[in-house]
Amino acid sequence: QVQLVESGGGLVQAGGSLRLSCVASVSTFSINAMGWYRQAPGKQRELVAMLTSGGNTNYADSVKGRFTISRDNAKNTVYLQMNNLKPEDTAVYYCYDYTLRRWGQGTQVTVSS
């Protein structure tokens, strides 16, 4: 069974940084497009960043210049480096495999002002 397991969330002050990781137990990881989404309380889940197997990226306007998505195919892992965090970045962050249409369980990110 395919699993996506996120880690790296936590509590950080505004202006701080976190790096989220998502390990995928899938043999086709290197050719799958991967993404990070987030859902704040009372809001819909939204795209944060996505990365194709060819290296193309797409970011939400609200995180451009602050967040970076990357992948290590040897480790079946996709990362989200988050810098200059703001209180409005507080949410549960989910990893998503576009090819298999699978979600991870989510990891909480809380940014205090």
PDB file of N, CA and C in Angstrom:
ATOM      1  N   GLN A   1       0.848  -1.193   0.000  1.00  0.00           N
ATOM      2  CA  GLN A   1       0.000   0.000   0.000  1.00  0.00           C
ATOM      3  C   GLN A   1       0.882   1.240   0.000  1.00  0.00           C
ATOM      4  N   VAL A   2       0.540   2.176  -0.881  1.00  0.00           N
ATOM      5  CA  VAL A   2       1.325   3.401  -0.984  1.00  0.00           C
ATOM      6  C   VAL A   2       1.107   4.255   0.253  1.00  0.00           C
ATOM      7  N   GLN A   3       2.213   4.761   0.801  1.00  0.00           N
ATOM      8  CA  GLN A   3       2.129   5.658   1.946  1.00  0.00           C
ATOM      9  C   GLN A   3       2.976   6.897   1.702  1.00  0.00           C
ATOM     10  N   LEU A   4       2.430   8.023   2.131  1.00  0.00           N
ATOM     11  CA  LEU A   4       3.171   9.279   2.134  1.00  0.00           C
ATOM     12  C   LEU A   4       3.229   9.735   3.582  1.00  0.00           C
ATOM     13  N   VAL A   5       4.421   9.911   4.111  1.00  0.00           N
ATOM     14  CA  VAL A   5       4.587  10.251   5.518  1.00  0.00           C
ATOM     15  C   VAL A   5       5.330  11.571   5.638  1.00  0.00           C
ATOM     16  N   GLU A   6       4.622  12.567   6.163  1.00  0.00           N
ATOM     17  CA  GLU A   6       5.213  13.888   6.338  1.00  0.00           C
ATOM     18  C   GLU A   6       5.855  14.019   7.715  1.00  0.00           C
ATOM     19  N   SER A   7       6.811  14.906   7.802  1.00  0.00           N
ATOM     20  CA  SER A   7       7.446  15.250   9.084  1.00  0.00           C
ATOM     21  C   SER A   7       8.043  16.634   8.964  1.00  0.00           C
ATOM     22  N   GLY A   8       8.445  17.187  10.110  1.00  0.00           N
ATOM     23  CA  GLY A   8       9.123  18.476  10.097  1.00  0.00           C
ATOM     24  C   GLY A   8       8.298  19.660  10.560  1.00  0.00           C
ATOM     25  N   GLY A   9       7.021  19.451  10.800  1.00  0.00           N
ATOM     26  CA  GLY A   9       6.197  20.540  11.281  1.00  0.00           C
ATOM     27  C   GLY A   9       6.534  20.902  12.718  1.00  0.00           C
ATOM     28  N   GLY A  10       5.935  21.998  13.181  1.00  0.00           N
ATOM     29  CA  GLY A  10       6.178  22.423  14.554  1.00  0.00           C
ATOM     30  C   GLY A  10       5.763  23.850  14.781  1.00  0.00           C
ATOM     31  N   LEU A  11       6.201  24.378  15.915  1.00  0.00           N
ATOM     32  CA  LEU A  11       5.901  25.756  16.307  1.00  0.00           C
ATOM     33  C   LEU A  11       7.145  26.602  16.087  1.00  0.00           C
ATOM     34  N   VAL A  12       6.975  27.720  15.400  1.00  0.00           N
ATOM     35  CA  VAL A  12       8.098  28.609  15.111  1.00  0.00           C
ATOM     36  C   VAL A  12       7.620  30.056  15.190  1.00  0.00           C
ATOM     37  N   GLN A  13       8.524  30.948  15.536  1.00  0.00           N
ATOM     38  CA  GLN A  13       8.184  32.365  15.574  1.00  0.00           C
ATOM     39  C   GLN A  13       8.190  32.949  14.166  1.00  0.00           C
ATOM     40  N   ALA A  14       7.435  34.004  13.996  1.00  0.00           N
ATOM     41  CA  ALA A  14       7.418  34.703  12.711  1.00  0.00           C
ATOM     42  C   ALA A  14       8.842  35.082  12.312  1.00  0.00           C
ATOM     43  N   GLY A  15       9.135  34.880  11.032  1.00  0.00           N
ATOM     44  CA  GLY A  15      10.477  35.130  10.529  1.00  0.00           C
ATOM     45  C   GLY A  15      11.374  33.909  10.550  1.00  0.00           C
ATOM     46  N   GLY A  16      10.935  32.873  11.204  1.00  0.00           N
ATOM     47  CA  GLY A  16      11.724  31.650  11.305  1.00  0.00           C
ATOM     48  C   GLY A  16      11.564  30.743  10.101  1.00  0.00           C
ATOM     49  N   SER A  17      12.199  29.572  10.188  1.00  0.00           N
ATOM     50  CA  SER A  17      12.197  28.619   9.076  1.00  0.00           C
ATOM     51  C   SER A  17      11.871  27.211   9.562  1.00  0.00           C
ATOM     52  N   LEU A  18      11.306  26.442   8.667  1.00  0.00           N
ATOM     53  CA  LEU A  18      11.071  25.023   8.872  1.00  0.00           C
ATOM     54  C   LEU A  18      11.296  24.308   7.549  1.00  0.00           C
ATOM     55  N   ARG A  19      11.671  23.042   7.629  1.00  0.00           N
ATOM     56  CA  ARG A  19      11.742  22.215   6.434  1.00  0.00           C
ATOM     57  C   ARG A  19      10.874  20.982   6.625  1.00  0.00           C
ATOM     58  N   LEU A  20       9.892  20.852   5.764  1.00  0.00           N
ATOM     59  CA  LEU A  20       9.018  19.689   5.785  1.00  0.00           C
ATOM     60  C   LEU A  20       9.565  18.618   4.858  1.00  0.00           C
ATOM     61  N   SER A  21       9.369  17.368   5.250  1.00  0.00           N
ATOM     62  CA  SER A  21       9.779  16.230   4.439  1.00  0.00           C
ATOM     63  C   SER A  21       8.596  15.306   4.221  1.00  0.00           C
ATOM     64  N   CYS A  22       8.567  14.659   3.077  1.00  0.00           N
ATOM     65  CA  CYS A  22       7.525  13.683   2.766  1.00  0.00           C
ATOM     66  C   CYS A  22       8.208  12.495   2.109  1.00  0.00           C
ATOM     67  N   VAL A  23       8.160  11.363   2.795  1.00  0.00           N
ATOM     68  CA  VAL A  23       8.757  10.137   2.276  1.00  0.00           C
ATOM     69  C   VAL A  23       7.649   9.289   1.658  1.00  0.00           C
ATOM     70  N   ALA A  24       7.872   8.864   0.419  1.00  0.00           N
ATOM     71  CA  ALA A  24       6.860   8.093  -0.305  1.00  0.00           C
ATOM     72  C   ALA A  24       7.316   6.655  -0.486  1.00  0.00           C
ATOM     73  N   SER A  25       6.458   5.732  -0.110  1.00  0.00           N
ATOM     74  CA  SER A  25       6.763   4.318  -0.298  1.00  0.00           C
ATOM     75  C   SER A  25       6.164   3.856  -1.613  1.00  0.00           C
ATOM     76  N   VAL A  26       6.737   4.364  -2.710  1.00  0.00           N
ATOM     77  CA  VAL A  26       6.212   4.062  -4.033  1.00  0.00           C
ATOM     78  C   VAL A  26       7.383   3.914  -4.986  1.00  0.00           C
ATOM     79  N   SER A  27       7.355   2.876  -5.808  1.00  0.00           N
ATOM     80  CA  SER A  27       8.487   2.587  -6.688  1.00  0.00           C
ATOM     81  C   SER A  27       8.606   3.578  -7.830  1.00  0.00           C
ATOM     82  N   THR A  28       7.508   4.280  -8.151  1.00  0.00           N
ATOM     83  CA  THR A  28       7.515   5.201  -9.287  1.00  0.00           C
ATOM     84  C   THR A  28       7.771   6.638  -8.860  1.00  0.00           C
ATOM     85  N   PHE A  29       8.287   6.842  -7.643  1.00  0.00           N
ATOM     86  CA  PHE A  29       8.424   8.191  -7.099  1.00  0.00           C
ATOM     87  C   PHE A  29       9.146   9.123  -8.056  1.00  0.00           C
ATOM     88  N   SER A  30      10.200   8.648  -8.700  1.00  0.00           N
ATOM     89  CA  SER A  30      11.040   9.534  -9.508  1.00  0.00           C
ATOM     90  C   SER A  30      10.304  10.122 -10.711  1.00  0.00           C
ATOM     91  N   ILE A  31       9.201   9.502 -11.131  1.00  0.00           N
ATOM     92  CA  ILE A  31       8.478  10.025 -12.290  1.00  0.00           C
ATOM     93  C   ILE A  31       7.129  10.624 -11.909  1.00  0.00           C
ATOM     94  N   ASN A  32       6.864  10.693 -10.626  1.00  0.00           N
ATOM     95  CA  ASN A  32       5.589  11.249 -10.172  1.00  0.00           C
ATOM     96  C   ASN A  32       5.727  12.727  -9.851  1.00  0.00           C
ATOM     97  N   ALA A  33       4.738  13.485 -10.288  1.00  0.00           N
ATOM     98  CA  ALA A  33       4.667  14.873  -9.848  1.00  0.00           C
ATOM     99  C   ALA A  33       4.211  14.888  -8.401  1.00  0.00           C
ATOM    100  N   MET A  34       4.834  15.746  -7.587  1.00  0.00           N
ATOM    101  CA  MET A  34       4.541  15.815  -6.163  1.00  0.00           C
ATOM    102  C   MET A  34       4.196  17.249  -5.778  1.00  0.00           C
ATOM    103  N   GLY A  35       3.417  17.374  -4.729  1.00  0.00           N
ATOM    104  CA  GLY A  35       3.047  18.708  -4.301  1.00  0.00           C
ATOM    105  C   GLY A  35       2.852  18.819  -2.810  1.00  0.00           C
ATOM    106  N   TRP A  36       2.813  20.045  -2.349  1.00  0.00           N
ATOM    107  CA  TRP A  36       2.466  20.372  -0.966  1.00  0.00           C
ATOM    108  C   TRP A  36       1.228  21.259  -0.970  1.00  0.00           C
ATOM    109  N   TYR A  37       0.282  20.910  -0.126  1.00  0.00           N
ATOM    110  CA  TYR A  37      -0.926  21.690   0.076  1.00  0.00           C
ATOM    111  C   TYR A  37      -1.011  22.039   1.553  1.00  0.00           C
ATOM    112  N   ARG A  38      -1.887  22.989   1.873  1.00  0.00           N
ATOM    113  CA  ARG A  38      -2.118  23.317   3.272  1.00  0.00           C
ATOM    114  C   ARG A  38      -3.584  23.659   3.494  1.00  0.00           C
ATOM    115  N   GLN A  39      -4.006  23.452   4.723  1.00  0.00           N
ATOM    116  CA  GLN A  39      -5.385  23.764   5.096  1.00  0.00           C
ATOM    117  C   GLN A  39      -5.393  24.403   6.472  1.00  0.00           C
ATOM    118  N   ALA A  40      -5.824  25.652   6.504  1.00  0.00           N
ATOM    119  CA  ALA A  40      -5.961  26.376   7.757  1.00  0.00           C
ATOM    120  C   ALA A  40      -7.366  26.153   8.302  1.00  0.00           C
ATOM    121  N   PRO A  41      -7.559  26.327   9.610  1.00  0.00           N
ATOM    122  CA  PRO A  41      -8.890  26.120  10.196  1.00  0.00           C
ATOM    123  C   PRO A  41      -9.950  26.970   9.507  1.00  0.00           C
ATOM    124  N   GLY A  42     -11.042  26.347   9.117  1.00  0.00           N
ATOM    125  CA  GLY A  42     -12.134  27.063   8.497  1.00  0.00           C
ATOM    126  C   GLY A  42     -11.922  27.436   7.049  1.00  0.00           C
ATOM    127  N   LYS A  43     -10.812  26.977   6.466  1.00  0.00           N
ATOM    128  CA  LYS A  43     -10.516  27.322   5.069  1.00  0.00           C
ATOM    129  C   LYS A  43     -10.365  26.064   4.230  1.00  0.00           C
ATOM    130  N   GLN A  44     -10.458  26.254   2.916  1.00  0.00           N
ATOM    131  CA  GLN A  44     -10.275  25.126   2.004  1.00  0.00           C
ATOM    132  C   GLN A  44      -8.788  24.793   1.864  1.00  0.00           C
ATOM    133  N   ARG A  45      -8.533  23.551   1.513  1.00  0.00           N
ATOM    134  CA  ARG A  45      -7.163  23.129   1.236  1.00  0.00           C
ATOM    135  C   ARG A  45      -6.686  23.841  -0.026  1.00  0.00           C
ATOM    136  N   GLU A  46      -5.453  24.337   0.020  1.00  0.00           N
ATOM    137  CA  GLU A  46      -4.926  25.094  -1.107  1.00  0.00           C
ATOM    138  C   GLU A  46      -3.535  24.616  -1.495  1.00  0.00           C
ATOM    139  N   LEU A  47      -3.228  24.779  -2.767  1.00  0.00           N
ATOM    140  CA  LEU A  47      -1.897  24.412  -3.255  1.00  0.00           C
ATOM    141  C   LEU A  47      -0.860  25.383  -2.718  1.00  0.00           C
ATOM    142  N   VAL A  48       0.242  24.834  -2.223  1.00  0.00           N
ATOM    143  CA  VAL A  48       1.374  25.651  -1.802  1.00  0.00           C
ATOM    144  C   VAL A  48       2.461  25.611  -2.878  1.00  0.00           C
ATOM    145  N   ALA A  49       2.829  24.397  -3.299  1.00  0.00           N
ATOM    146  CA  ALA A  49       3.882  24.252  -4.300  1.00  0.00           C
ATOM    147  C   ALA A  49       3.782  22.875  -4.926  1.00  0.00           C
ATOM    148  N   MET A  50       4.205  22.779  -6.195  1.00  0.00           N
ATOM    149  CA  MET A  50       4.257  21.482  -6.839  1.00  0.00           C
ATOM    150  C   MET A  50       5.531  21.379  -7.656  1.00  0.00           C
ATOM    151  N   LEU A  51       5.954  20.130  -7.882  1.00  0.00           N
ATOM    152  CA  LEU A  51       7.210  19.865  -8.576  1.00  0.00           C
ATOM    153  C   LEU A  51       7.014  18.648  -9.468  1.00  0.00           C
ATOM    154  N   THR A  52       7.295  18.834 -10.763  1.00  0.00           N
ATOM    155  CA  THR A  52       7.175  17.710 -11.688  1.00  0.00           C
ATOM    156  C   THR A  52       8.460  16.881 -11.673  1.00  0.00           C
ATOM    157  N   SER A  53       8.396  15.725 -12.310  1.00  0.00           N
ATOM    158  CA  SER A  53       9.575  14.882 -12.393  1.00  0.00           C
ATOM    159  C   SER A  53      10.677  15.551 -13.212  1.00  0.00           C
ATOM    160  N   GLY A  54      10.277  16.466 -14.102  1.00  0.00           N
ATOM    161  CA  GLY A  54      11.249  17.167 -14.923  1.00  0.00           C
ATOM    162  C   GLY A  54      11.839  18.393 -14.276  1.00  0.00           C
ATOM    163  N   GLY A  55      11.357  18.709 -13.072  1.00  0.00           N
ATOM    164  CA  GLY A  55      11.929  19.829 -12.341  1.00  0.00           C
ATOM    165  C   GLY A  55      11.155  21.132 -12.443  1.00  0.00           C
ATOM    166  N   ASN A  56      10.025  21.101 -13.156  1.00  0.00           N
ATOM    167  CA  ASN A  56       9.210  22.314 -13.221  1.00  0.00           C
ATOM    168  C   ASN A  56       8.477  22.527 -11.907  1.00  0.00           C
ATOM    169  N   THR A  57       8.377  23.793 -11.501  1.00  0.00           N
ATOM    170  CA  THR A  57       7.740  24.111 -10.230  1.00  0.00           C
ATOM    171  C   THR A  57       6.610  25.109 -10.421  1.00  0.00           C
ATOM    172  N   ASN A  58       5.716  25.106  -9.451  1.00  0.00           N
ATOM    173  CA  ASN A  58       4.627  26.066  -9.419  1.00  0.00           C
ATOM    174  C   ASN A  58       4.377  26.401  -7.954  1.00  0.00           C
ATOM    175  N   TYR A  59       4.261  27.701  -7.650  1.00  0.00           N
ATOM    176  CA  TYR A  59       4.077  28.142  -6.270  1.00  0.00           C
ATOM    177  C   TYR A  59       2.842  29.029  -6.155  1.00  0.00           C
ATOM    178  N   ALA A  60       2.206  28.968  -5.006  1.00  0.00           N
ATOM    179  CA  ALA A  60       1.164  29.937  -4.688  1.00  0.00           C
ATOM    180  C   ALA A  60       1.815  31.311  -4.571  1.00  0.00           C
ATOM    181  N   ASP A  61       1.092  32.326  -5.000  1.00  0.00           N
ATOM    182  CA  ASP A  61       1.641  33.683  -4.948  1.00  0.00           C
ATOM    183  C   ASP A  61       2.061  34.067  -3.533  1.00  0.00           C
ATOM    184  N   SER A  62       1.318  33.590  -2.559  1.00  0.00           N
ATOM    185  CA  SER A  62       1.568  33.980  -1.169  1.00  0.00           C
ATOM    186  C   SER A  62       2.882  33.443  -0.614  1.00  0.00           C
ATOM    187  N   VAL A  63       3.486  32.442  -1.276  1.00  0.00           N
ATOM    188  CA  VAL A  63       4.721  31.853  -0.751  1.00  0.00           C
ATOM    189  C   VAL A  63       5.910  32.056  -1.688  1.00  0.00           C
ATOM    190  N   LYS A  64       5.681  32.635  -2.848  1.00  0.00           N
ATOM    191  CA  LYS A  64       6.788  32.838  -3.793  1.00  0.00           C
ATOM    192  C   LYS A  64       7.896  33.667  -3.152  1.00  0.00           C
ATOM    193  N   GLY A  65       9.121  33.198  -3.345  1.00  0.00           N
ATOM    194  CA  GLY A  65      10.266  33.892  -2.774  1.00  0.00           C
ATOM    195  C   GLY A  65      10.579  33.498  -1.344  1.00  0.00           C
ATOM    196  N   ARG A  66       9.684  32.755  -0.701  1.00  0.00           N
ATOM    197  CA  ARG A  66       9.905  32.320   0.683  1.00  0.00           C
ATOM    198  C   ARG A  66       9.999  30.801   0.806  1.00  0.00           C
ATOM    199  N   PHE A  67       9.250  30.081   0.005  1.00  0.00           N
ATOM    200  CA  PHE A  67       9.211  28.619   0.076  1.00  0.00           C
ATOM    201  C   PHE A  67       9.891  28.024  -1.155  1.00  0.00           C
ATOM    202  N   THR A  68      10.524  26.859  -0.951  1.00  0.00           N
ATOM    203  CA  THR A  68      11.155  26.143  -2.045  1.00  0.00           C
ATOM    204  C   THR A  68      10.823  24.663  -1.951  1.00  0.00           C
ATOM    205  N   ILE A  69      10.315  24.104  -3.048  1.00  0.00           N
ATOM    206  CA  ILE A  69      10.049  22.673  -3.099  1.00  0.00           C
ATOM    207  C   ILE A  69      11.193  21.989  -3.833  1.00  0.00           C
ATOM    208  N   SER A  70      11.573  20.822  -3.333  1.00  0.00           N
ATOM    209  CA  SER A  70      12.652  20.069  -3.968  1.00  0.00           C
ATOM    210  C   SER A  70      12.422  18.585  -3.709  1.00  0.00           C
ATOM    211  N   ARG A  71      13.224  17.754  -4.392  1.00  0.00           N
ATOM    212  CA  ARG A  71      13.048  16.317  -4.208  1.00  0.00           C
ATOM    213  C   ARG A  71      14.393  15.620  -4.256  1.00  0.00           C
ATOM    214  N   ASP A  72      14.463  14.486  -3.575  1.00  0.00           N
ATOM    215  CA  ASP A  72      15.626  13.602  -3.630  1.00  0.00           C
ATOM    216  C   ASP A  72      15.094  12.239  -4.037  1.00  0.00           C
ATOM    217  N   ASN A  73      15.238  11.912  -5.311  1.00  0.00           N
ATOM    218  CA  ASN A  73      14.670  10.658  -5.808  1.00  0.00           C
ATOM    219  C   ASN A  73      15.338   9.431  -5.186  1.00  0.00           C
ATOM    220  N   ALA A  74      16.594   9.553  -4.809  1.00  0.00           N
ATOM    221  CA  ALA A  74      17.294   8.429  -4.182  1.00  0.00           C
ATOM    222  C   ALA A  74      16.692   8.084  -2.821  1.00  0.00           C
ATOM    223  N   LYS A  75      16.073   9.087  -2.198  1.00  0.00           N
ATOM    224  CA  LYS A  75      15.461   8.884  -0.881  1.00  0.00           C
ATOM    225  C   LYS A  75      13.938   8.864  -0.949  1.00  0.00           C
ATOM    226  N   ASN A  76      13.378   8.911  -2.171  1.00  0.00           N
ATOM    227  CA  ASN A  76      11.912   8.952  -2.323  1.00  0.00           C
ATOM    228  C   ASN A  76      11.300  10.044  -1.446  1.00  0.00           C
ATOM    229  N   THR A  77      11.921  11.196  -1.437  1.00  0.00           N
ATOM    230  CA  THR A  77      11.506  12.258  -0.526  1.00  0.00           C
ATOM    231  C   THR A  77      11.328  13.570  -1.275  1.00  0.00           C
ATOM    232  N   VAL A  78      10.265  14.266  -0.924  1.00  0.00           N
ATOM    233  CA  VAL A  78      10.050  15.627  -1.407  1.00  0.00           C
ATOM    234  C   VAL A  78      10.088  16.552  -0.192  1.00  0.00           C
ATOM    235  N   TYR A  79      10.693  17.720  -0.375  1.00  0.00           N
ATOM    236  CA  TYR A  79      10.889  18.667   0.715  1.00  0.00           C
ATOM    237  C   TYR A  79      10.152  19.973   0.443  1.00  0.00           C
ATOM    238  N   LEU A  80       9.852  20.683   1.517  1.00  0.00           N
ATOM    239  CA  LEU A  80       9.359  22.050   1.404  1.00  0.00           C
ATOM    240  C   LEU A  80      10.145  22.888   2.408  1.00  0.00           C
ATOM    241  N   GLN A  81      11.058  23.685   1.888  1.00  0.00           N
ATOM    242  CA  GLN A  81      11.818  24.609   2.729  1.00  0.00           C
ATOM    243  C   GLN A  81      11.006  25.893   2.864  1.00  0.00           C
ATOM    244  N   MET A  82      10.712  26.264   4.091  1.00  0.00           N
ATOM    245  CA  MET A  82       9.874  27.427   4.353  1.00  0.00           C
ATOM    246  C   MET A  82      10.683  28.448   5.148  1.00  0.00           C
ATOM    247  N   ASN A  83      10.917  29.589   4.546  1.00  0.00           N
ATOM    248  CA  ASN A  83      11.676  30.663   5.192  1.00  0.00           C
ATOM    249  C   ASN A  83      10.783  31.875   5.414  1.00  0.00           C
ATOM    250  N   ASN A  84      11.219  32.742   6.322  1.00  0.00           N
ATOM    251  CA  ASN A  84      10.474  33.968   6.620  1.00  0.00           C
ATOM    252  C   ASN A  84       8.996  33.662   6.852  1.00  0.00           C
ATOM    253  N   LEU A  85       8.750  32.715   7.726  1.00  0.00           N
ATOM    254  CA  LEU A  85       7.373  32.284   7.984  1.00  0.00           C
ATOM    255  C   LEU A  85       6.554  33.397   8.624  1.00  0.00           C
ATOM    256  N   LYS A  86       5.279  33.398   8.273  1.00  0.00           N
ATOM    257  CA  LYS A  86       4.334  34.394   8.767  1.00  0.00           C
ATOM    258  C   LYS A  86       3.194  33.693   9.507  1.00  0.00           C
ATOM    259  N   PRO A  87       2.523  34.391  10.415  1.00  0.00           N
ATOM    260  CA  PRO A  87       1.399  33.764  11.126  1.00  0.00           C
ATOM    261  C   PRO A  87       0.351  33.203  10.166  1.00  0.00           C
ATOM    262  N   GLU A  88       0.162  33.833   9.024  1.00  0.00           N
ATOM    263  CA  GLU A  88      -0.836  33.342   8.061  1.00  0.00           C
ATOM    264  C   GLU A  88      -0.412  32.052   7.356  1.00  0.00           C
ATOM    265  N   ASP A  89       0.812  31.588   7.596  1.00  0.00           N
ATOM    266  CA  ASP A  89       1.246  30.297   7.071  1.00  0.00           C
ATOM    267  C   ASP A  89       0.813  29.143   7.982  1.00  0.00           C
ATOM    268  N   THR A  90       0.242  29.470   9.126  1.00  0.00           N
ATOM    269  CA  THR A  90      -0.216  28.447  10.055  1.00  0.00           C
ATOM    270  C   THR A  90      -1.292  27.581   9.411  1.00  0.00           C
ATOM    271  N   ALA A  91      -1.059  26.275   9.400  1.00  0.00           N
ATOM    272  CA  ALA A  91      -1.971  25.338   8.750  1.00  0.00           C
ATOM    273  C   ALA A  91      -1.455  23.921   8.940  1.00  0.00           C
ATOM    274  N   VAL A  92      -2.275  22.962   8.550  1.00  0.00           N
ATOM    275  CA  VAL A  92      -1.804  21.589   8.398  1.00  0.00           C
ATOM    276  C   VAL A  92      -1.310  21.449   6.960  1.00  0.00           C
ATOM    277  N   TYR A  93      -0.109  20.971   6.807  1.00  0.00           N
ATOM    278  CA  TYR A  93       0.515  20.822   5.491  1.00  0.00           C
ATOM    279  C   TYR A  93       0.471  19.356   5.068  1.00  0.00           C
ATOM    280  N   TYR A  94       0.022  19.149   3.824  1.00  0.00           N
ATOM    281  CA  TYR A  94      -0.148  17.804   3.290  1.00  0.00           C
ATOM    282  C   TYR A  94       0.724  17.611   2.056  1.00  0.00           C
ATOM    283  N   CYS A  95       1.296  16.445   1.958  1.00  0.00           N
ATOM    284  CA  CYS A  95       2.021  16.024   0.778  1.00  0.00           C
ATOM    285  C   CYS A  95       1.028  15.318  -0.162  1.00  0.00           C
ATOM    286  N   TYR A  96       1.212  15.485  -1.478  1.00  0.00           N
ATOM    287  CA  TYR A  96       0.297  14.883  -2.445  1.00  0.00           C
ATOM    288  C   TYR A  96       1.061  14.320  -3.636  1.00  0.00           C
ATOM    289  N   ASP A  97       0.712  13.104  -4.012  1.00  0.00           N
ATOM    290  CA  ASP A  97       1.261  12.450  -5.199  1.00  0.00           C
ATOM    291  C   ASP A  97       0.227  12.561  -6.314  1.00  0.00           C
ATOM    292  N   TYR A  98       0.540  13.348  -7.336  1.00  0.00           N
ATOM    293  CA  TYR A  98      -0.422  13.606  -8.410  1.00  0.00           C
ATOM    294  C   TYR A  98      -0.694  12.372  -9.266  1.00  0.00           C
ATOM    295  N   THR A  99       0.307  11.537  -9.439  1.00  0.00           N
ATOM    296  CA  THR A  99       0.126  10.370 -10.290  1.00  0.00           C
ATOM    297  C   THR A  99      -0.744   9.323  -9.618  1.00  0.00           C
ATOM    298  N   LEU A 100      -0.493   9.087  -8.340  1.00  0.00           N
ATOM    299  CA  LEU A 100      -1.242   8.072  -7.612  1.00  0.00           C
ATOM    300  C   LEU A 100      -2.457   8.650  -6.900  1.00  0.00           C
ATOM    301  N   ARG A 101      -2.554   9.986  -6.892  1.00  0.00           N
ATOM    302  CA  ARG A 101      -3.680  10.659  -6.229  1.00  0.00           C
ATOM    303  C   ARG A 101      -3.782  10.244  -4.768  1.00  0.00           C
ATOM    304  N   ARG A 102      -2.648  10.353  -4.083  1.00  0.00           N
ATOM    305  CA  ARG A 102      -2.593   9.967  -2.675  1.00  0.00           C
ATOM    306  C   ARG A 102      -2.159  11.152  -1.831  1.00  0.00           C
ATOM    307  N   TRP A 103      -2.748  11.223  -0.615  1.00  0.00           N
ATOM    308  CA  TRP A 103      -2.404  12.255   0.350  1.00  0.00           C
ATOM    309  C   TRP A 103      -1.632  11.651   1.513  1.00  0.00           C
ATOM    310  N   GLY A 104      -0.775  12.463   2.104  1.00  0.00           N
ATOM    311  CA  GLY A 104      -0.182  12.098   3.366  1.00  0.00           C
ATOM    312  C   GLY A 104      -1.139  12.440   4.496  1.00  0.00           C
ATOM    313  N   GLN A 105      -0.716  12.160   5.721  1.00  0.00           N
ATOM    314  CA  GLN A 105      -1.586  12.372   6.878  1.00  0.00           C
ATOM    315  C   GLN A 105      -1.556  13.817   7.371  1.00  0.00           C
ATOM    316  N   GLY A 106      -0.576  14.572   6.927  1.00  0.00           N
ATOM    317  CA  GLY A 106      -0.486  15.982   7.303  1.00  0.00           C
ATOM    318  C   GLY A 106       0.450  16.226   8.473  1.00  0.00           C
ATOM    319  N   THR A 107       1.012  17.420   8.505  1.00  0.00           N
ATOM    320  CA  THR A 107       1.862  17.842   9.613  1.00  0.00           C
ATOM    321  C   THR A 107       1.526  19.292   9.952  1.00  0.00           C
ATOM    322  N   GLN A 108       1.400  19.571  11.233  1.00  0.00           N
ATOM    323  CA  GLN A 108       0.957  20.891  11.683  1.00  0.00           C
ATOM    324  C   GLN A 108       2.124  21.870  11.691  1.00  0.00           C
ATOM    325  N   VAL A 109       1.890  23.033  11.111  1.00  0.00           N
ATOM    326  CA  VAL A 109       2.835  24.147  11.181  1.00  0.00           C
ATOM    327  C   VAL A 109       2.128  25.316  11.853  1.00  0.00           C
ATOM    328  N   THR A 110       2.710  25.810  12.925  1.00  0.00           N
ATOM    329  CA  THR A 110       2.139  26.936  13.654  1.00  0.00           C
ATOM    330  C   THR A 110       3.185  28.034  13.761  1.00  0.00           C
ATOM    331  N   VAL A 111       2.817  29.224  13.306  1.00  0.00           N
ATOM    332  CA  VAL A 111       3.728  30.369  13.320  1.00  0.00           C
ATOM    333  C   VAL A 111       3.173  31.406  14.279  1.00  0.00           C
ATOM    334  N   SER A 112       3.924  31.707  15.314  1.00  0.00           N
ATOM    335  CA  SER A 112       3.476  32.692  16.296  1.00  0.00           C
ATOM    336  C   SER A 112       4.001  34.078  15.938  1.00  0.00           C
ATOM    337  N   SER A 113       3.216  35.087  16.308  1.00  0.00           N
ATOM    338  CA  SER A 113       3.596  36.476  15.979  1.00  0.00           C
ATOM    339  C   SER A 113       4.439  37.071  17.079  1.00  0.00           C
TER     340      SER A 113
END
